[in-house]
Amino acid sequence: TGVMAADDMTKAALVDEMGEHTRRVLYKGETMLYNPRCIMITELGTLVNAHDLEFFSLLSDLFDNKEVPHRSRRRGHNSGKAIDLPNPSVNIIAGTQPAFLGDLLPDAAWQQGFTARFLMIYAPGAPAADMFAEREDQSHLQAELVKGLQVRSKLLGEFRISEEAKDIIRLWMSGGLKPVPDH
């Protein structure tokens, strides 16, 4: 569908790739332009170099789904013309280890809001498994995940939170946001 991005690229390459994949959709009688990218990688360090605050800032900016186009201009590229990304949207599904994440992200990245855009899922230990056992082929799981993301990429309109969901979130917040990670 043109939504999946490369898993190893520079900041400039990400902007270029998004600029090459502008989508047009008819919404409420108007043509809407947007530039979505979904990046699925097994290791976050493949995408982002350690301490690359410029790239972290760009990812934060693009993640915010602003209505104002993102504008990029680089000397000697695109004949010096700006690249406009209307309605940019970046989503990343990535794996990493907590210790590596601590090394990858400088203190400023934690403070600038980049990590506020994370949904972190942490498993405290490895599953008990026989490393010599025959394993069932589970490659279909990635295909199912991609298919689900492709379906969701076609959703349009305002996102609304149901009253039931609001009540659940309020209850969780009033209970201290448990379980709170302790690592």
N, C-alpha and C. Protein backbone atom coordinates (compact mmCIF):
# COMPACT_ATOMS: atom_id res chain seq x y z
N THR A 1 0.81 -1.20 0.00
CA THR A 1 0.00 0.00 0.00
C THR A 1 0.85 1.26 0.00
N GLY A 2 2.17 1.13 0.09
CA GLY A 2 3.01 2.31 0.10
C GLY A 2 3.10 2.94 1.47
N VAL A 3 2.68 2.25 2.53
CA VAL A 3 2.70 2.82 3.87
C VAL A 3 3.96 2.40 4.62
N MET A 4 4.46 1.21 4.38
CA MET A 4 5.61 0.70 5.11
C MET A 4 6.89 1.39 4.63
N ALA A 5 7.74 1.76 5.57
CA ALA A 5 8.98 2.47 5.26
C ALA A 5 10.17 1.54 5.40
N ALA A 6 11.30 2.01 4.88
CA ALA A 6 12.56 1.29 5.07
C ALA A 6 12.90 1.27 6.55
N ASP A 7 13.70 0.31 6.98
CA ASP A 7 14.02 0.23 8.41
C ASP A 7 15.41 0.80 8.73
N ASP A 8 16.14 1.27 7.74
CA ASP A 8 17.46 1.85 7.97
C ASP A 8 17.58 3.06 7.05
N MET A 9 17.44 4.26 7.61
CA MET A 9 17.49 5.46 6.78
C MET A 9 17.93 6.65 7.61
N THR A 10 18.37 7.68 6.93
CA THR A 10 18.74 8.92 7.57
C THR A 10 17.51 9.80 7.73
N LYS A 11 17.68 10.88 8.46
CA LYS A 11 16.60 11.86 8.61
C LYS A 11 16.16 12.36 7.23
N ALA A 12 17.13 12.70 6.37
CA ALA A 12 16.81 13.20 5.03
C ALA A 12 16.09 12.14 4.20
N ALA A 13 16.51 10.88 4.33
CA ALA A 13 15.87 9.81 3.56
C ALA A 13 14.42 9.62 4.01
N LEU A 14 14.15 9.76 5.30
CA LEU A 14 12.78 9.64 5.78
C LEU A 14 11.90 10.73 5.17
N VAL A 15 12.39 11.97 5.16
CA VAL A 15 11.62 13.07 4.57
C VAL A 15 11.40 12.80 3.08
N ASP A 16 12.46 12.36 2.39
CA ASP A 16 12.31 12.04 0.96
C ASP A 16 11.27 10.96 0.74
N GLU A 17 11.34 9.90 1.53
CA GLU A 17 10.42 8.78 1.36
C GLU A 17 8.98 9.21 1.62
N MET A 18 8.79 10.04 2.63
CA MET A 18 7.45 10.53 2.91
C MET A 18 6.95 11.41 1.77
N GLY A 19 7.85 12.25 1.22
CA GLY A 19 7.48 13.12 0.11
C GLY A 19 7.12 12.36 -1.15
N GLU A 20 7.69 11.17 -1.32
CA GLU A 20 7.41 10.35 -2.50
C GLU A 20 6.09 9.59 -2.39
N HIS A 21 5.50 9.58 -1.22
CA HIS A 21 4.30 8.77 -0.99
C HIS A 21 3.14 9.58 -0.43
N THR A 22 2.90 10.73 -1.02
CA THR A 22 1.75 11.53 -0.62
C THR A 22 0.48 10.79 -1.01
N ARG A 23 -0.45 10.72 -0.09
CA ARG A 23 -1.73 10.06 -0.36
C ARG A 23 -2.82 11.11 -0.48
N ARG A 24 -3.76 10.83 -1.32
CA ARG A 24 -4.91 11.70 -1.52
C ARG A 24 -6.17 10.90 -1.20
N VAL A 25 -7.06 11.54 -0.46
CA VAL A 25 -8.30 10.86 -0.12
C VAL A 25 -9.42 11.89 -0.09
N LEU A 26 -10.58 11.47 -0.54
CA LEU A 26 -11.76 12.33 -0.50
C LEU A 26 -12.41 12.17 0.87
N TYR A 27 -12.50 13.26 1.61
CA TYR A 27 -13.06 13.23 2.96
C TYR A 27 -13.97 14.44 3.13
N LYS A 28 -15.23 14.18 3.42
CA LYS A 28 -16.24 15.22 3.61
C LYS A 28 -16.28 16.17 2.42
N GLY A 29 -16.18 15.60 1.22
CA GLY A 29 -16.29 16.39 0.00
C GLY A 29 -15.04 17.14 -0.40
N GLU A 30 -13.96 16.99 0.34
CA GLU A 30 -12.72 17.69 0.02
C GLU A 30 -11.60 16.67 -0.16
N THR A 31 -10.65 16.99 -1.04
CA THR A 31 -9.48 16.15 -1.21
C THR A 31 -8.48 16.49 -0.11
N MET A 32 -8.10 15.50 0.64
CA MET A 32 -7.15 15.68 1.73
C MET A 32 -5.84 15.01 1.34
N LEU A 33 -4.73 15.71 1.53
CA LEU A 33 -3.41 15.15 1.29
C LEU A 33 -2.77 14.80 2.62
N TYR A 34 -2.07 13.67 2.66
CA TYR A 34 -1.32 13.33 3.86
C TYR A 34 -0.15 12.44 3.49
N ASN A 35 0.82 12.38 4.39
CA ASN A 35 2.05 11.64 4.16
C ASN A 35 2.31 10.69 5.32
N PRO A 36 1.75 9.49 5.25
CA PRO A 36 1.95 8.53 6.35
C PRO A 36 3.17 7.64 6.12
N ARG A 37 3.79 7.24 7.20
CA ARG A 37 4.87 6.24 7.17
C ARG A 37 4.72 5.38 8.39
N CYS A 38 4.83 4.09 8.20
CA CYS A 38 4.87 3.14 9.29
C CYS A 38 6.20 2.41 9.19
N ILE A 39 6.94 2.41 10.26
CA ILE A 39 8.25 1.76 10.29
C ILE A 39 8.16 0.59 11.27
N MET A 40 8.40 -0.61 10.76
CA MET A 40 8.41 -1.81 11.61
C MET A 40 9.82 -2.39 11.59
N ILE A 41 10.46 -2.38 12.75
CA ILE A 41 11.83 -2.88 12.85
C ILE A 41 11.99 -3.69 14.13
N THR A 42 12.88 -4.67 14.06
CA THR A 42 13.11 -5.49 15.24
C THR A 42 14.06 -4.81 16.22
N GLU A 43 14.83 -3.84 15.76
CA GLU A 43 15.77 -3.14 16.65
C GLU A 43 15.76 -1.65 16.35
N LEU A 44 15.38 -0.84 17.33
CA LEU A 44 15.29 0.61 17.16
C LEU A 44 16.63 1.21 16.74
N GLY A 45 17.72 0.64 17.21
CA GLY A 45 19.05 1.15 16.87
C GLY A 45 19.38 1.04 15.39
N THR A 46 18.64 0.22 14.64
CA THR A 46 18.83 0.13 13.19
C THR A 46 18.38 1.43 12.53
N LEU A 47 17.33 2.02 13.04
CA LEU A 47 16.76 3.24 12.45
C LEU A 47 17.49 4.49 12.92
N VAL A 48 17.70 4.60 14.22
CA VAL A 48 18.22 5.84 14.79
C VAL A 48 19.61 5.62 15.37
N ASN A 49 20.54 6.48 14.97
CA ASN A 49 21.88 6.42 15.55
C ASN A 49 21.84 7.00 16.96
N ALA A 50 22.68 6.47 17.82
CA ALA A 50 22.74 6.95 19.20
C ALA A 50 23.00 8.45 19.24
N HIS A 51 22.28 9.12 20.09
CA HIS A 51 22.46 10.55 20.37
C HIS A 51 22.17 11.44 19.17
N ASP A 52 21.36 11.00 18.22
CA ASP A 52 21.00 11.80 17.06
C ASP A 52 19.77 12.64 17.39
N LEU A 53 19.99 13.73 18.13
CA LEU A 53 18.87 14.56 18.59
C LEU A 53 18.09 15.17 17.43
N GLU A 54 18.76 15.44 16.31
CA GLU A 54 18.07 15.99 15.15
C GLU A 54 17.02 15.02 14.62
N PHE A 55 17.39 13.74 14.54
CA PHE A 55 16.45 12.72 14.06
C PHE A 55 15.32 12.52 15.07
N PHE A 56 15.67 12.48 16.37
CA PHE A 56 14.65 12.34 17.40
C PHE A 56 13.66 13.51 17.33
N SER A 57 14.16 14.72 17.11
CA SER A 57 13.29 15.89 17.01
C SER A 57 12.36 15.77 15.81
N LEU A 58 12.89 15.33 14.67
CA LEU A 58 12.06 15.15 13.48
C LEU A 58 10.97 14.11 13.75
N LEU A 59 11.33 12.98 14.35
CA LEU A 59 10.34 11.94 14.63
C LEU A 59 9.24 12.47 15.55
N SER A 60 9.63 13.24 16.56
CA SER A 60 8.65 13.83 17.47
C SER A 60 7.72 14.76 16.71
N ASP A 61 8.29 15.59 15.86
CA ASP A 61 7.50 16.55 15.09
C ASP A 61 6.52 15.84 14.16
N LEU A 62 7.00 14.82 13.46
CA LEU A 62 6.14 14.10 12.51
C LEU A 62 5.08 13.28 13.23
N PHE A 63 5.40 12.75 14.39
CA PHE A 63 4.46 11.92 15.14
C PHE A 63 3.24 12.72 15.58
N ASP A 64 3.41 14.02 15.77
CA ASP A 64 2.32 14.85 16.30
C ASP A 64 1.18 15.08 15.33
N ASN A 65 1.29 14.60 14.08
CA ASN A 65 0.20 14.68 13.10
C ASN A 65 -0.35 16.11 12.98
N LYS A 66 0.55 17.05 12.83
CA LYS A 66 0.13 18.45 12.72
C LYS A 66 -0.59 18.71 11.41
N GLU A 67 -1.52 19.65 11.43
CA GLU A 67 -2.22 20.02 10.20
C GLU A 67 -1.37 20.94 9.34
N VAL A 68 -0.37 21.59 9.94
CA VAL A 68 0.54 22.45 9.19
C VAL A 68 1.57 21.54 8.52
N PRO A 69 1.80 21.72 7.21
CA PRO A 69 2.77 20.85 6.53
C PRO A 69 4.18 20.96 7.13
N HIS A 70 4.87 19.84 7.16
CA HIS A 70 6.28 19.85 7.55
C HIS A 70 7.05 20.28 6.31
N ARG A 71 7.97 21.21 6.44
CA ARG A 71 8.74 21.71 5.29
C ARG A 71 10.21 21.42 5.52
N SER A 72 10.83 20.82 4.53
CA SER A 72 12.25 20.47 4.59
C SER A 72 12.95 21.02 3.35
N ARG A 73 14.12 21.59 3.55
CA ARG A 73 14.91 22.08 2.43
C ARG A 73 16.38 21.76 2.72
N ARG A 74 17.01 21.16 1.70
CA ARG A 74 18.43 20.83 1.84
C ARG A 74 19.18 21.35 0.62
N ARG A 75 20.32 21.95 0.86
CA ARG A 75 21.14 22.46 -0.23
C ARG A 75 21.54 21.32 -1.15
N GLY A 76 21.41 21.54 -2.44
CA GLY A 76 21.84 20.54 -3.43
C GLY A 76 20.87 19.38 -3.61
N HIS A 77 19.75 19.42 -2.93
CA HIS A 77 18.78 18.33 -3.06
C HIS A 77 17.48 18.90 -3.60
N ASN A 78 16.84 18.18 -4.48
CA ASN A 78 15.55 18.59 -5.03
C ASN A 78 15.66 19.97 -5.69
N SER A 79 16.81 20.24 -6.30
CA SER A 79 17.09 21.53 -6.95
C SER A 79 16.90 22.69 -6.00
N GLY A 80 17.12 22.46 -4.72
CA GLY A 80 16.99 23.50 -3.72
C GLY A 80 15.57 23.82 -3.33
N LYS A 81 14.60 23.10 -3.91
CA LYS A 81 13.19 23.35 -3.59
C LYS A 81 12.84 22.68 -2.27
N ALA A 82 11.91 23.29 -1.58
CA ALA A 82 11.45 22.71 -0.31
C ALA A 82 10.58 21.49 -0.59
N ILE A 83 10.63 20.56 0.33
CA ILE A 83 9.75 19.39 0.30
C ILE A 83 8.68 19.64 1.36
N ASP A 84 7.44 19.73 0.93
CA ASP A 84 6.33 19.93 1.86
C ASP A 84 5.65 18.60 2.11
N LEU A 85 5.42 18.30 3.37
CA LEU A 85 4.72 17.08 3.76
C LEU A 85 3.42 17.47 4.45
N PRO A 86 2.32 17.53 3.68
CA PRO A 86 1.04 17.85 4.32
C PRO A 86 0.57 16.71 5.22
N ASN A 87 0.07 17.06 6.38
CA ASN A 87 -0.47 16.07 7.33
C ASN A 87 0.48 14.89 7.51
N PRO A 88 1.71 15.14 7.95
CA PRO A 88 2.64 14.04 8.13
C PRO A 88 2.24 13.16 9.31
N SER A 89 2.53 11.88 9.19
CA SER A 89 2.21 10.94 10.26
C SER A 89 3.22 9.81 10.24
N VAL A 90 3.91 9.61 11.35
CA VAL A 90 4.89 8.53 11.47
C VAL A 90 4.52 7.67 12.68
N ASN A 91 4.49 6.37 12.45
CA ASN A 91 4.30 5.41 13.53
C ASN A 91 5.42 4.39 13.43
N ILE A 92 5.98 4.04 14.58
CA ILE A 92 7.09 3.10 14.62
C ILE A 92 6.74 1.97 15.57
N ILE A 93 6.92 0.76 15.08
CA ILE A 93 6.82 -0.42 15.94
C ILE A 93 8.23 -1.00 15.95
N ALA A 94 8.86 -0.98 17.12
CA ALA A 94 10.26 -1.39 17.20
C ALA A 94 10.52 -2.16 18.48
N GLY A 95 11.52 -2.97 18.42
CA GLY A 95 11.97 -3.69 19.61
C GLY A 95 13.33 -3.16 20.04
N THR A 96 13.61 -3.30 21.31
CA THR A 96 14.93 -2.98 21.85
C THR A 96 15.00 -3.48 23.28
N GLN A 97 16.18 -3.50 23.83
CA GLN A 97 16.36 -3.88 25.23
C GLN A 97 16.42 -2.61 26.09
N PRO A 98 15.90 -2.64 27.31
CA PRO A 98 15.90 -1.43 28.15
C PRO A 98 17.29 -0.81 28.33
N ALA A 99 18.30 -1.62 28.54
CA ALA A 99 19.64 -1.07 28.74
C ALA A 99 20.14 -0.37 27.49
N PHE A 100 19.86 -0.97 26.33
CA PHE A 100 20.27 -0.35 25.07
C PHE A 100 19.51 0.95 24.85
N LEU A 101 18.24 0.98 25.19
CA LEU A 101 17.44 2.19 25.05
C LEU A 101 18.05 3.31 25.88
N GLY A 102 18.51 2.97 27.07
CA GLY A 102 19.17 3.96 27.92
C GLY A 102 20.44 4.50 27.29
N ASP A 103 21.19 3.65 26.58
CA ASP A 103 22.40 4.09 25.90
C ASP A 103 22.08 4.83 24.60
N LEU A 104 21.05 4.38 23.88
CA LEU A 104 20.69 4.97 22.59
C LEU A 104 20.19 6.40 22.75
N LEU A 105 19.36 6.62 23.74
CA LEU A 105 18.72 7.93 23.90
C LEU A 105 19.50 8.78 24.90
N PRO A 106 20.02 9.90 24.46
CA PRO A 106 20.70 10.80 25.41
C PRO A 106 19.67 11.41 26.35
N ASP A 107 20.14 11.97 27.45
CA ASP A 107 19.23 12.58 28.43
C ASP A 107 18.29 13.57 27.78
N ALA A 108 18.78 14.34 26.81
CA ALA A 108 17.95 15.35 26.15
C ALA A 108 16.77 14.72 25.43
N ALA A 109 16.94 13.51 24.87
CA ALA A 109 15.84 12.85 24.17
C ALA A 109 14.72 12.49 25.14
N TRP A 110 15.09 12.15 26.37
CA TRP A 110 14.07 11.85 27.38
C TRP A 110 13.35 13.12 27.79
N GLN A 111 14.05 14.25 27.77
CA GLN A 111 13.48 15.51 28.20
C GLN A 111 12.70 16.23 27.10
N GLN A 112 13.04 16.00 25.83
CA GLN A 112 12.41 16.74 24.74
C GLN A 112 11.03 16.23 24.38
N GLY A 113 10.61 15.14 24.94
CA GLY A 113 9.27 14.63 24.68
C GLY A 113 9.23 13.45 23.73
N PHE A 114 10.38 13.07 23.17
CA PHE A 114 10.37 11.94 22.24
C PHE A 114 9.82 10.69 22.91
N THR A 115 10.26 10.42 24.13
CA THR A 115 9.81 9.20 24.80
C THR A 115 8.38 9.31 25.30
N ALA A 116 7.84 10.52 25.40
CA ALA A 116 6.43 10.67 25.79
C ALA A 116 5.51 10.12 24.71
N ARG A 117 6.04 9.90 23.53
CA ARG A 117 5.26 9.39 22.42
C ARG A 117 5.38 7.87 22.32
N PHE A 118 6.08 7.25 23.24
CA PHE A 118 6.28 5.80 23.25
C PHE A 118 5.15 5.11 24.00
N LEU A 119 4.80 3.93 23.55
CA LEU A 119 4.06 2.98 24.36
C LEU A 119 5.06 1.86 24.61
N MET A 120 5.57 1.78 25.82
CA MET A 120 6.60 0.79 26.12
C MET A 120 5.97 -0.45 26.73
N ILE A 121 6.34 -1.58 26.17
CA ILE A 121 5.87 -2.86 26.68
C ILE A 121 7.11 -3.61 27.14
N TYR A 122 7.12 -3.98 28.39
CA TYR A 122 8.31 -4.56 28.99
C TYR A 122 7.99 -5.94 29.57
N ALA A 123 8.84 -6.90 29.28
CA ALA A 123 8.73 -8.23 29.87
C ALA A 123 9.95 -8.42 30.79
N PRO A 124 9.73 -8.67 32.06
CA PRO A 124 10.84 -8.73 33.00
C PRO A 124 11.78 -9.92 32.82
N GLY A 125 11.36 -10.94 32.12
CA GLY A 125 12.23 -12.09 31.95
C GLY A 125 11.93 -12.82 30.66
N ALA A 126 12.85 -13.67 30.28
CA ALA A 126 12.66 -14.45 29.06
C ALA A 126 11.71 -15.61 29.35
N PRO A 127 10.93 -16.00 28.36
CA PRO A 127 10.04 -17.15 28.57
C PRO A 127 10.87 -18.43 28.70
N ALA A 128 10.37 -19.35 29.51
CA ALA A 128 11.04 -20.64 29.65
C ALA A 128 10.74 -21.45 28.39
N ALA A 129 11.79 -21.81 27.67
CA ALA A 129 11.60 -22.54 26.42
C ALA A 129 12.78 -23.47 26.18
N ASP A 130 12.50 -24.59 25.56
CA ASP A 130 13.55 -25.53 25.16
C ASP A 130 14.15 -24.99 23.88
N MET A 131 15.39 -24.53 23.94
CA MET A 131 15.98 -23.91 22.76
C MET A 131 16.31 -24.91 21.65
N PHE A 132 16.17 -26.21 21.93
CA PHE A 132 16.43 -27.22 20.91
C PHE A 132 15.16 -27.84 20.34
N ALA A 133 14.03 -27.42 20.85
CA ALA A 133 12.75 -27.98 20.40
C ALA A 133 12.42 -27.49 18.99
N GLU A 134 11.68 -28.30 18.26
CA GLU A 134 11.19 -27.87 16.95
C GLU A 134 10.17 -26.77 17.17
N ARG A 135 10.29 -25.73 16.40
CA ARG A 135 9.40 -24.59 16.56
C ARG A 135 8.39 -24.53 15.43
N GLU A 136 7.20 -24.13 15.81
CA GLU A 136 6.14 -23.92 14.83
C GLU A 136 6.45 -22.66 14.02
N ASP A 137 6.22 -22.72 12.73
CA ASP A 137 6.43 -21.56 11.87
C ASP A 137 5.39 -20.49 12.22
N GLN A 138 5.87 -19.34 12.67
CA GLN A 138 4.97 -18.25 13.05
C GLN A 138 5.16 -17.02 12.17
N SER A 139 5.74 -17.21 10.99
CA SER A 139 5.98 -16.07 10.10
C SER A 139 4.67 -15.41 9.67
N HIS A 140 3.58 -16.15 9.74
CA HIS A 140 2.28 -15.57 9.39
C HIS A 140 1.88 -14.44 10.33
N LEU A 141 2.45 -14.40 11.54
CA LEU A 141 2.07 -13.36 12.50
C LEU A 141 2.47 -11.98 12.01
N GLN A 142 3.64 -11.87 11.38
CA GLN A 142 4.04 -10.57 10.84
C GLN A 142 3.10 -10.15 9.73
N ALA A 143 2.72 -11.09 8.87
CA ALA A 143 1.78 -10.77 7.78
C ALA A 143 0.45 -10.29 8.36
N GLU A 144 -0.01 -10.92 9.43
CA GLU A 144 -1.26 -10.49 10.07
C GLU A 144 -1.14 -9.09 10.66
N LEU A 145 0.01 -8.81 11.27
CA LEU A 145 0.24 -7.49 11.84
C LEU A 145 0.25 -6.42 10.75
N VAL A 146 0.96 -6.69 9.66
CA VAL A 146 1.00 -5.74 8.54
C VAL A 146 -0.40 -5.53 7.97
N LYS A 147 -1.15 -6.60 7.80
CA LYS A 147 -2.51 -6.49 7.27
C LYS A 147 -3.37 -5.61 8.18
N GLY A 148 -3.27 -5.83 9.48
CA GLY A 148 -4.04 -5.01 10.42
C GLY A 148 -3.65 -3.54 10.35
N LEU A 149 -2.36 -3.26 10.21
CA LEU A 149 -1.90 -1.89 10.09
C LEU A 149 -2.39 -1.26 8.78
N GLN A 150 -2.43 -2.05 7.71
CA GLN A 150 -2.92 -1.54 6.44
C GLN A 150 -4.40 -1.17 6.53
N VAL A 151 -5.18 -1.99 7.22
CA VAL A 151 -6.60 -1.69 7.42
C VAL A 151 -6.74 -0.39 8.21
N ARG A 152 -5.96 -0.26 9.28
CA ARG A 152 -6.04 0.93 10.12
C ARG A 152 -5.56 2.18 9.39
N SER A 153 -4.66 2.01 8.44
CA SER A 153 -4.14 3.17 7.70
C SER A 153 -5.21 3.78 6.81
N LYS A 154 -6.29 3.07 6.57
CA LYS A 154 -7.36 3.58 5.72
C LYS A 154 -8.48 4.26 6.53
N LEU A 155 -8.36 4.25 7.85
CA LEU A 155 -9.37 4.90 8.68
C LEU A 155 -9.31 6.41 8.50
N LEU A 156 -10.45 7.04 8.48
CA LEU A 156 -10.54 8.49 8.31
C LEU A 156 -11.45 9.06 9.37
N GLY A 157 -11.23 10.32 9.68
CA GLY A 157 -12.15 11.03 10.55
C GLY A 157 -11.61 11.24 11.94
N GLU A 158 -12.41 11.88 12.72
CA GLU A 158 -12.05 12.23 14.07
C GLU A 158 -11.98 10.99 14.96
N PHE A 159 -10.97 10.95 15.80
CA PHE A 159 -10.82 9.87 16.76
C PHE A 159 -11.53 10.30 18.04
N ARG A 160 -12.41 9.46 18.51
CA ARG A 160 -13.15 9.79 19.73
C ARG A 160 -12.96 8.68 20.75
N ILE A 161 -12.90 9.07 22.00
CA ILE A 161 -12.75 8.12 23.10
C ILE A 161 -14.12 7.93 23.73
N SER A 162 -14.54 6.68 23.84
CA SER A 162 -15.86 6.40 24.41
C SER A 162 -15.89 6.75 25.90
N GLU A 163 -17.07 6.96 26.42
CA GLU A 163 -17.21 7.25 27.85
C GLU A 163 -16.71 6.07 28.68
N GLU A 164 -16.96 4.86 28.21
CA GLU A 164 -16.47 3.67 28.92
C GLU A 164 -14.95 3.68 29.00
N ALA A 165 -14.28 4.01 27.89
CA ALA A 165 -12.82 4.06 27.89
C ALA A 165 -12.32 5.17 28.81
N LYS A 166 -13.00 6.32 28.81
CA LYS A 166 -12.61 7.42 29.71
C LYS A 166 -12.70 6.98 31.16
N ASP A 167 -13.77 6.26 31.51
CA ASP A 167 -13.94 5.78 32.89
C ASP A 167 -12.82 4.82 33.28
N ILE A 168 -12.44 3.94 32.37
CA ILE A 168 -11.36 2.98 32.64
C ILE A 168 -10.04 3.72 32.85
N ILE A 169 -9.77 4.72 32.02
CA ILE A 169 -8.52 5.50 32.15
C ILE A 169 -8.53 6.29 33.46
N ARG A 170 -9.67 6.90 33.81
CA ARG A 170 -9.76 7.64 35.08
C ARG A 170 -9.51 6.72 36.27
N LEU A 171 -10.08 5.53 36.22
CA LEU A 171 -9.89 4.56 37.30
C LEU A 171 -8.42 4.16 37.41
N TRP A 172 -7.78 3.92 36.29
CA TRP A 172 -6.37 3.56 36.26
C TRP A 172 -5.51 4.69 36.83
N MET A 173 -5.82 5.94 36.43
CA MET A 173 -5.05 7.09 36.91
C MET A 173 -5.26 7.30 38.41
N SER A 174 -6.49 7.17 38.88
CA SER A 174 -6.75 7.38 40.31
C SER A 174 -6.14 6.26 41.16
N GLY A 175 -5.88 5.12 40.54
CA GLY A 175 -5.25 4.01 41.25
C GLY A 175 -3.73 4.04 41.22
N GLY A 176 -3.14 5.12 40.70
CA GLY A 176 -1.69 5.25 40.71
C GLY A 176 -1.01 4.71 39.45
N LEU A 177 -1.75 4.53 38.37
CA LEU A 177 -1.19 4.08 37.09
C LEU A 177 -0.54 2.70 37.17
N LYS A 178 -1.06 1.83 38.03
CA LYS A 178 -0.45 0.52 38.25
C LYS A 178 -0.78 -0.44 37.11
N PRO A 179 0.10 -1.35 36.77
CA PRO A 179 1.39 -1.59 37.42
C PRO A 179 2.46 -0.61 36.93
N VAL A 180 3.18 0.00 37.86
CA VAL A 180 4.23 0.96 37.53
C VAL A 180 5.53 0.18 37.35
N PRO A 181 6.22 0.36 36.20
CA PRO A 181 7.50 -0.33 36.01
C PRO A 181 8.50 0.07 37.08
N ASP A 182 9.31 -0.87 37.52
CA ASP A 182 10.29 -0.57 38.57
C ASP A 182 11.73 -0.70 38.07
N HIS A 183 11.93 -0.82 36.77
CA HIS A 183 13.28 -0.97 36.25
C HIS A 183 13.85 0.38 35.83
